[in-house]
Full PDB file with SEQRES, HELIX, SHEET, SSBOND, CRYST1, ORIGX, SCALE, CONECT and MASTER records, all heavy atoms in Angstrom:
SEQRES   1 A   32  ALA ARG LYS ALA THR LEU LEU LYS LYS PHE GLY SER VAL          
SEQRES   2 A   32  ALA ARG LEU ARG LYS ALA THR ALA ALA GLU VAL ALA THR          
SEQRES   3 A   32  VAL PRO GLY ILE SER THR                                      
HELIX    1 AA1 ARG A    2  PHE A   10  1                                   9    
HELIX    2 AA2 VAL A   13  LYS A   18  1                                   6    
HELIX    3 AA3 ALA A   21  VAL A   24  1                                   4    
CRYST1    1.000    1.000    1.000  90.00  90.00  90.00 P 1           1          
ORIGX1      1.000000  0.000000  0.000000        0.00000                         
ORIGX2      0.000000  1.000000  0.000000        0.00000                         
ORIGX3      0.000000  0.000000  1.000000        0.00000                         
SCALE1      1.000000  0.000000  0.000000        0.00000                         
SCALE2      0.000000  1.000000  0.000000        0.00000                         
SCALE3      0.000000  0.000000  1.000000        0.00000                         
ATOM      1  N   ALA A   1      34.364  42.390 -47.760  1.00  0.00           N  
ATOM      2  CA  ALA A   1      32.963  42.814 -47.810  1.00  0.00           C  
ATOM      3  C   ALA A   1      32.216  42.040 -48.901  1.00  0.00           C  
ATOM      4  O   ALA A   1      31.086  41.581 -48.701  1.00  0.00           O  
ATOM      5  CB  ALA A   1      32.871  44.313 -48.071  1.00  0.00           C  
ATOM      6  N   ARG A   2      32.857  41.876 -50.080  1.00  0.00           N  
ATOM      7  CA  ARG A   2      32.218  41.126 -51.159  1.00  0.00           C  
ATOM      8  C   ARG A   2      32.091  39.640 -50.801  1.00  0.00           C  
ATOM      9  O   ARG A   2      31.110  38.985 -51.146  1.00  0.00           O  
ATOM     10  CB  ARG A   2      33.016  41.288 -52.454  1.00  0.00           C  
ATOM     11  CG  ARG A   2      32.825  42.650 -53.112  1.00  0.00           C  
ATOM     12  CD  ARG A   2      33.765  42.855 -54.272  1.00  0.00           C  
ATOM     13  NE  ARG A   2      33.469  44.085 -54.993  1.00  0.00           N  
ATOM     14  CZ  ARG A   2      34.273  44.646 -55.879  1.00  0.00           C  
ATOM     15  NH1 ARG A   2      35.449  44.072 -56.162  1.00  0.00           N  
ATOM     16  NH2 ARG A   2      33.919  45.757 -56.500  1.00  0.00           N  
ATOM     17  N   LYS A   3      33.100  39.124 -50.118  1.00  0.00           N  
ATOM     18  CA  LYS A   3      33.040  37.733 -49.671  1.00  0.00           C  
ATOM     19  C   LYS A   3      31.846  37.528 -48.742  1.00  0.00           C  
ATOM     20  O   LYS A   3      31.076  36.563 -48.895  1.00  0.00           O  
ATOM     21  CB  LYS A   3      34.334  37.370 -48.953  1.00  0.00           C  
ATOM     22  CG  LYS A   3      34.311  36.018 -48.258  1.00  0.00           C  
ATOM     23  CD  LYS A   3      35.599  35.794 -47.476  1.00  0.00           C  
ATOM     24  CE  LYS A   3      35.517  34.565 -46.594  1.00  0.00           C  
ATOM     25  NZ  LYS A   3      36.748  34.359 -45.801  1.00  0.00           N  
ATOM     26  N   ALA A   4      31.660  38.446 -47.783  1.00  0.00           N  
ATOM     27  CA  ALA A   4      30.539  38.331 -46.851  1.00  0.00           C  
ATOM     28  C   ALA A   4      29.206  38.427 -47.585  1.00  0.00           C  
ATOM     29  O   ALA A   4      28.251  37.700 -47.268  1.00  0.00           O  
ATOM     30  CB  ALA A   4      30.642  39.418 -45.783  1.00  0.00           C  
ATOM     31  N   THR A   5      29.140  39.307 -48.594  1.00  0.00           N  
ATOM     32  CA  THR A   5      27.899  39.472 -49.358  1.00  0.00           C  
ATOM     33  C   THR A   5      27.578  38.206 -50.150  1.00  0.00           C  
ATOM     34  O   THR A   5      26.425  37.758 -50.206  1.00  0.00           O  
ATOM     35  CB  THR A   5      28.024  40.662 -50.321  1.00  0.00           C  
ATOM     36  OG1 THR A   5      28.376  41.832 -49.580  1.00  0.00           O  
ATOM     37  CG2 THR A   5      26.711  40.906 -51.047  1.00  0.00           C  
ATOM     38  N   LEU A   6      28.604  37.603 -50.767  1.00  0.00           N  
ATOM     39  CA  LEU A   6      28.405  36.377 -51.538  1.00  0.00           C  
ATOM     40  C   LEU A   6      27.925  35.229 -50.649  1.00  0.00           C  
ATOM     41  O   LEU A   6      27.012  34.480 -51.004  1.00  0.00           O  
ATOM     42  CB  LEU A   6      29.703  35.986 -52.251  1.00  0.00           C  
ATOM     43  CG  LEU A   6      30.097  36.843 -53.457  1.00  0.00           C  
ATOM     44  CD1 LEU A   6      31.537  36.543 -53.874  1.00  0.00           C  
ATOM     45  CD2 LEU A   6      29.148  36.601 -54.626  1.00  0.00           C  
ATOM     46  N   LEU A   7      28.564  35.076 -49.483  1.00  0.00           N  
ATOM     47  CA  LEU A   7      28.187  33.993 -48.577  1.00  0.00           C  
ATOM     48  C   LEU A   7      26.793  34.224 -48.000  1.00  0.00           C  
ATOM     49  O   LEU A   7      26.059  33.262 -47.746  1.00  0.00           O  
ATOM     50  CB  LEU A   7      29.218  33.867 -47.459  1.00  0.00           C  
ATOM     51  CG  LEU A   7      30.604  33.379 -47.890  1.00  0.00           C  
ATOM     52  CD1 LEU A   7      31.576  33.421 -46.721  1.00  0.00           C  
ATOM     53  CD2 LEU A   7      30.527  31.955 -48.449  1.00  0.00           C  
ATOM     54  N   LYS A   8      26.422  35.480 -47.791  1.00  0.00           N  
ATOM     55  CA  LYS A   8      25.081  35.771 -47.295  1.00  0.00           C  
ATOM     56  C   LYS A   8      24.034  35.423 -48.344  1.00  0.00           C  
ATOM     57  O   LYS A   8      22.957  34.912 -48.028  1.00  0.00           O  
ATOM     58  CB  LYS A   8      24.973  37.244 -46.923  1.00  0.00           C  
ATOM     59  CG  LYS A   8      23.631  37.627 -46.312  1.00  0.00           C  
ATOM     60  CD  LYS A   8      23.611  39.081 -45.894  1.00  0.00           C  
ATOM     61  CE  LYS A   8      22.258  39.444 -45.273  1.00  0.00           C  
ATOM     62  NZ  LYS A   8      22.211  40.876 -44.866  1.00  0.00           N  
ATOM     63  N   LYS A   9      24.374  35.669 -49.616  1.00  0.00           N  
ATOM     64  CA  LYS A   9      23.439  35.400 -50.711  1.00  0.00           C  
ATOM     65  C   LYS A   9      23.297  33.905 -50.979  1.00  0.00           C  
ATOM     66  O   LYS A   9      22.177  33.381 -51.104  1.00  0.00           O  
ATOM     67  CB  LYS A   9      23.934  36.113 -51.981  1.00  0.00           C  
ATOM     68  CG  LYS A   9      23.234  35.720 -53.266  1.00  0.00           C  
ATOM     69  CD  LYS A   9      21.823  36.259 -53.345  1.00  0.00           C  
ATOM     70  CE  LYS A   9      21.210  35.959 -54.717  1.00  0.00           C  
ATOM     71  NZ  LYS A   9      19.821  36.428 -54.817  1.00  0.00           N  
ATOM     72  N   PHE A  10      24.432  33.188 -51.062  1.00  0.00           N  
ATOM     73  CA  PHE A  10      24.399  31.783 -51.474  1.00  0.00           C  
ATOM     74  C   PHE A  10      24.498  30.795 -50.317  1.00  0.00           C  
ATOM     75  O   PHE A  10      24.261  29.605 -50.495  1.00  0.00           O  
ATOM     76  CB  PHE A  10      25.510  31.511 -52.497  1.00  0.00           C  
ATOM     77  CG  PHE A  10      25.314  32.234 -53.796  1.00  0.00           C  
ATOM     78  CD1 PHE A  10      25.983  33.417 -54.052  1.00  0.00           C  
ATOM     79  CD2 PHE A  10      24.445  31.743 -54.746  1.00  0.00           C  
ATOM     80  CE1 PHE A  10      25.795  34.100 -55.249  1.00  0.00           C  
ATOM     81  CE2 PHE A  10      24.245  32.410 -55.943  1.00  0.00           C  
ATOM     82  CZ  PHE A  10      24.918  33.593 -56.197  1.00  0.00           C  
ATOM     83  N   GLY A  11      24.894  31.260 -49.139  1.00  0.00           N  
ATOM     84  CA  GLY A  11      24.939  30.385 -47.969  1.00  0.00           C  
ATOM     85  C   GLY A  11      26.246  29.653 -47.770  1.00  0.00           C  
ATOM     86  O   GLY A  11      26.676  29.447 -46.639  1.00  0.00           O  
ATOM     87  N   SER A  12      26.917  29.246 -48.834  1.00  0.00           N  
ATOM     88  CA  SER A  12      28.173  28.517 -48.725  1.00  0.00           C  
ATOM     89  C   SER A  12      28.885  28.563 -50.065  1.00  0.00           C  
ATOM     90  O   SER A  12      28.290  28.886 -51.106  1.00  0.00           O  
ATOM     91  CB  SER A  12      27.927  27.057 -48.318  1.00  0.00           C  
ATOM     92  OG  SER A  12      27.255  26.368 -49.354  1.00  0.00           O  
ATOM     93  N   VAL A  13      30.176  28.203 -50.037  1.00  0.00           N  
ATOM     94  CA  VAL A  13      30.956  28.150 -51.273  1.00  0.00           C  
ATOM     95  C   VAL A  13      30.443  27.017 -52.157  1.00  0.00           C  
ATOM     96  O   VAL A  13      30.452  27.122 -53.395  1.00  0.00           O  
ATOM     97  CB  VAL A  13      32.458  27.976 -50.960  1.00  0.00           C  
ATOM     98  CG1 VAL A  13      33.260  27.754 -52.236  1.00  0.00           C  
ATOM     99  CG2 VAL A  13      32.992  29.203 -50.232  1.00  0.00           C  
ATOM    100  N   ALA A  14      29.988  25.920 -51.541  1.00  0.00           N  
ATOM    101  CA  ALA A  14      29.467  24.795 -52.320  1.00  0.00           C  
ATOM    102  C   ALA A  14      28.274  25.224 -53.173  1.00  0.00           C  
ATOM    103  O   ALA A  14      28.156  24.845 -54.348  1.00  0.00           O  
ATOM    104  CB  ALA A  14      29.068  23.658 -51.387  1.00  0.00           C  
ATOM    105  N   ARG A  15      27.373  26.025 -52.612  1.00  0.00           N  
ATOM    106  CA  ARG A  15      26.227  26.506 -53.382  1.00  0.00           C  
ATOM    107  C   ARG A  15      26.661  27.549 -54.406  1.00  0.00           C  
ATOM    108  O   ARG A  15      26.079  27.632 -55.492  1.00  0.00           O  
ATOM    109  CB  ARG A  15      25.186  27.099 -52.436  1.00  0.00           C  
ATOM    110  CG  ARG A  15      24.512  26.055 -51.556  1.00  0.00           C  
ATOM    111  CD  ARG A  15      23.484  26.680 -50.648  1.00  0.00           C  
ATOM    112  NE  ARG A  15      22.871  25.692 -49.778  1.00  0.00           N  
ATOM    113  CZ  ARG A  15      22.020  25.992 -48.794  1.00  0.00           C  
ATOM    114  NH1 ARG A  15      21.690  27.259 -48.574  1.00  0.00           N  
ATOM    115  NH2 ARG A  15      21.497  25.040 -48.045  1.00  0.00           N  
ATOM    116  N   LEU A  16      27.665  28.342 -54.051  1.00  0.00           N  
ATOM    117  CA  LEU A  16      28.183  29.332 -54.987  1.00  0.00           C  
ATOM    118  C   LEU A  16      28.763  28.644 -56.223  1.00  0.00           C  
ATOM    119  O   LEU A  16      28.612  29.131 -57.348  1.00  0.00           O  
ATOM    120  CB  LEU A  16      29.248  30.195 -54.301  1.00  0.00           C  
ATOM    121  CG  LEU A  16      29.923  31.285 -55.152  1.00  0.00           C  
ATOM    122  CD1 LEU A  16      28.893  32.263 -55.695  1.00  0.00           C  
ATOM    123  CD2 LEU A  16      30.969  32.021 -54.319  1.00  0.00           C  
ATOM    124  N   ARG A  17      29.423  27.501 -56.015  1.00  0.00           N  
ATOM    125  CA  ARG A  17      29.987  26.748 -57.144  1.00  0.00           C  
ATOM    126  C   ARG A  17      28.905  26.325 -58.139  1.00  0.00           C  
ATOM    127  O   ARG A  17      29.144  26.266 -59.349  1.00  0.00           O  
ATOM    128  CB  ARG A  17      30.709  25.491 -56.647  1.00  0.00           C  
ATOM    129  CG  ARG A  17      32.018  25.724 -55.915  1.00  0.00           C  
ATOM    130  CD  ARG A  17      32.591  24.381 -55.505  1.00  0.00           C  
ATOM    131  NE  ARG A  17      33.716  24.497 -54.598  1.00  0.00           N  
ATOM    132  CZ  ARG A  17      34.977  24.640 -54.981  1.00  0.00           C  
ATOM    133  NH1 ARG A  17      35.257  24.685 -56.269  1.00  0.00           N  
ATOM    134  NH2 ARG A  17      35.951  24.731 -54.092  1.00  0.00           N  
ATOM    135  N   LYS A  18      27.713  26.014 -57.646  1.00  0.00           N  
ATOM    136  CA  LYS A  18      26.634  25.521 -58.503  1.00  0.00           C  
ATOM    137  C   LYS A  18      25.907  26.644 -59.228  1.00  0.00           C  
ATOM    138  O   LYS A  18      25.104  26.376 -60.133  1.00  0.00           O  
ATOM    139  CB  LYS A  18      25.640  24.718 -57.664  1.00  0.00           C  
ATOM    140  CG  LYS A  18      26.232  23.455 -57.047  1.00  0.00           C  
ATOM    141  CD  LYS A  18      25.191  22.716 -56.214  1.00  0.00           C  
ATOM    142  CE  LYS A  18      25.795  21.461 -55.591  1.00  0.00           C  
ATOM    143  NZ  LYS A  18      24.808  20.733 -54.750  1.00  0.00           N  
ATOM    144  N   ALA A  19      26.149  27.882 -58.822  1.00  0.00           N  
ATOM    145  CA  ALA A  19      25.478  29.020 -59.456  1.00  0.00           C  
ATOM    146  C   ALA A  19      26.122  29.335 -60.806  1.00  0.00           C  
ATOM    147  O   ALA A  19      27.239  28.905 -61.111  1.00  0.00           O  
ATOM    148  CB  ALA A  19      25.540  30.240 -58.542  1.00  0.00           C  
ATOM    149  N   THR A  20      25.413  30.100 -61.621  1.00  0.00           N  
ATOM    150  CA  THR A  20      25.954  30.571 -62.897  1.00  0.00           C  
ATOM    151  C   THR A  20      26.551  31.958 -62.704  1.00  0.00           C  
ATOM    152  O   THR A  20      26.259  32.650 -61.706  1.00  0.00           O  
ATOM    153  CB  THR A  20      24.855  30.629 -63.958  1.00  0.00           C  
ATOM    154  OG1 THR A  20      23.857  31.586 -63.546  1.00  0.00           O  
ATOM    155  CG2 THR A  20      24.197  29.263 -64.128  1.00  0.00           C  
ATOM    156  N   ALA A  21      27.364  32.379 -63.679  1.00  0.00           N  
ATOM    157  CA  ALA A  21      27.964  33.710 -63.604  1.00  0.00           C  
ATOM    158  C   ALA A  21      26.881  34.783 -63.595  1.00  0.00           C  
ATOM    159  O   ALA A  21      27.011  35.808 -62.915  1.00  0.00           O  
ATOM    160  CB  ALA A  21      28.926  33.913 -64.770  1.00  0.00           C  
ATOM    161  N   ALA A  22      25.786  34.541 -64.331  1.00  0.00           N  
ATOM    162  CA  ALA A  22      24.691  35.511 -64.371  1.00  0.00           C  
ATOM    163  C   ALA A  22      24.039  35.660 -63.003  1.00  0.00           C  
ATOM    164  O   ALA A  22      23.685  36.773 -62.582  1.00  0.00           O  
ATOM    165  CB  ALA A  22      23.655  35.078 -65.410  1.00  0.00           C  
ATOM    166  N   GLU A  23      23.884  34.554 -62.291  1.00  0.00           N  
ATOM    167  CA  GLU A  23      23.292  34.612 -60.950  1.00  0.00           C  
ATOM    168  C   GLU A  23      24.222  35.328 -59.977  1.00  0.00           C  
ATOM    169  O   GLU A  23      23.768  36.094 -59.117  1.00  0.00           O  
ATOM    170  CB  GLU A  23      22.999  33.199 -60.451  1.00  0.00           C  
ATOM    171  CG  GLU A  23      21.881  32.499 -61.203  1.00  0.00           C  
ATOM    172  CD  GLU A  23      21.739  31.039 -60.827  1.00  0.00           C  
ATOM    173  OE1 GLU A  23      22.736  30.448 -60.371  1.00  0.00           O  
ATOM    174  OE2 GLU A  23      20.634  30.492 -60.988  1.00  0.00           O  
ATOM    175  N   VAL A  24      25.524  35.071 -60.105  1.00  0.00           N  
ATOM    176  CA  VAL A  24      26.489  35.753 -59.228  1.00  0.00           C  
ATOM    177  C   VAL A  24      26.499  37.249 -59.499  1.00  0.00           C  
ATOM    178  O   VAL A  24      26.653  38.073 -58.589  1.00  0.00           O  
ATOM    179  CB  VAL A  24      27.900  35.156 -59.424  1.00  0.00           C  
ATOM    180  CG1 VAL A  24      28.929  35.918 -58.593  1.00  0.00           C  
ATOM    181  CG2 VAL A  24      27.908  33.686 -59.041  1.00  0.00           C  
ATOM    182  N   ALA A  25      26.309  37.651 -60.770  1.00  0.00           N  
ATOM    183  CA  ALA A  25      26.332  39.060 -61.139  1.00  0.00           C  
ATOM    184  C   ALA A  25      25.157  39.838 -60.571  1.00  0.00           C  
ATOM    185  O   ALA A  25      25.184  41.078 -60.556  1.00  0.00           O  
ATOM    186  CB  ALA A  25      26.369  39.197 -62.660  1.00  0.00           C  
ATOM    187  N   THR A  26      24.115  39.140 -60.088  1.00  0.00           N  
ATOM    188  CA  THR A  26      22.975  39.845 -59.483  1.00  0.00           C  
ATOM    189  C   THR A  26      23.272  40.312 -58.061  1.00  0.00           C  
ATOM    190  O   THR A  26      22.500  41.087 -57.493  1.00  0.00           O  
ATOM    191  CB  THR A  26      21.738  38.926 -59.451  1.00  0.00           C  
ATOM    192  OG1 THR A  26      22.014  37.779 -58.635  1.00  0.00           O  
ATOM    193  CG2 THR A  26      21.360  38.468 -60.857  1.00  0.00           C  
ATOM    194  N   VAL A  27      24.368  39.841 -57.488  1.00  0.00           N  
ATOM    195  CA  VAL A  27      24.737  40.253 -56.127  1.00  0.00           C  
ATOM    196  C   VAL A  27      25.240  41.693 -56.168  1.00  0.00           C  
ATOM    197  O   VAL A  27      26.073  42.041 -57.022  1.00  0.00           O  
ATOM    198  CB  VAL A  27      25.825  39.319 -55.556  1.00  0.00           C  
ATOM    199  CG1 VAL A  27      26.272  39.792 -54.184  1.00  0.00           C  
ATOM    200  CG2 VAL A  27      25.309  37.891 -55.501  1.00  0.00           C  
ATOM    201  N   PRO A  28      24.777  42.545 -55.285  1.00  0.00           N  
ATOM    202  CA  PRO A  28      25.236  43.951 -55.277  1.00  0.00           C  
ATOM    203  C   PRO A  28      26.756  44.039 -55.142  1.00  0.00           C  
ATOM    204  O   PRO A  28      27.355  43.375 -54.296  1.00  0.00           O  
ATOM    205  CB  PRO A  28      24.541  44.533 -54.040  1.00  0.00           C  
ATOM    206  CG  PRO A  28      23.327  43.672 -53.844  1.00  0.00           C  
ATOM    207  CD  PRO A  28      23.726  42.309 -54.278  1.00  0.00           C  
ATOM    208  N   GLY A  29      27.366  44.845 -56.002  1.00  0.00           N  
ATOM    209  CA  GLY A  29      28.810  45.030 -55.952  1.00  0.00           C  
ATOM    210  C   GLY A  29      29.598  44.061 -56.802  1.00  0.00           C  
ATOM    211  O   GLY A  29      30.830  44.130 -56.857  1.00  0.00           O  
ATOM    212  N   ILE A  30      28.918  43.112 -57.459  1.00  0.00           N  
ATOM    213  CA  ILE A  30      29.589  42.107 -58.299  1.00  0.00           C  
ATOM    214  C   ILE A  30      29.220  42.371 -59.763  1.00  0.00           C  
ATOM    215  O   ILE A  30      28.049  42.234 -60.155  1.00  0.00           O  
ATOM    216  CB  ILE A  30      29.187  40.671 -57.921  1.00  0.00           C  
ATOM    217  CG1 ILE A  30      29.420  40.424 -56.427  1.00  0.00           C  
ATOM    218  CG2 ILE A  30      29.954  39.659 -58.764  1.00  0.00           C  
ATOM    219  CD1 ILE A  30      30.856  40.492 -55.997  1.00  0.00           C  
ATOM    220  N   SER A  31      30.210  42.768 -60.564  1.00  0.00           N  
ATOM    221  CA  SER A  31      29.973  43.026 -61.978  1.00  0.00           C  
ATOM    222  C   SER A  31      29.962  41.711 -62.758  1.00  0.00           C  
ATOM    223  O   SER A  31      30.344  40.654 -62.235  1.00  0.00           O  
ATOM    224  CB  SER A  31      31.059  43.940 -62.543  1.00  0.00           C  
ATOM    225  OG  SER A  31      32.323  43.294 -62.496  1.00  0.00           O  
ATOM    226  N   THR A  32      29.539  41.785 -64.014  1.00  0.00           N  
ATOM    227  CA  THR A  32      29.519  40.591 -64.863  1.00  0.00           C  
ATOM    228  C   THR A  32      30.923  40.023 -65.045  1.00  0.00           C  
ATOM    229  O   THR A  32      31.139  38.816 -64.984  1.00  0.00           O  
ATOM    230  CB  THR A  32      28.905  40.923 -66.232  1.00  0.00           C  
ATOM    231  OG1 THR A  32      27.579  41.439 -66.033  1.00  0.00           O  
ATOM    232  CG2 THR A  32      28.836  39.680 -67.112  1.00  0.00           C  
TER     233      THR A  32                                                      
MASTER        0    0    0    3    0    0    0    6  232    1    0    3          
END                                                                             
């Protein structure tokens, strides 16, 4: 479920790699 939420937010793992931890923490269900 968290994987699907992350991919929906960032579109791909490549874009997720370029994000910061703070940006990832804004996704619902993802703590700092």
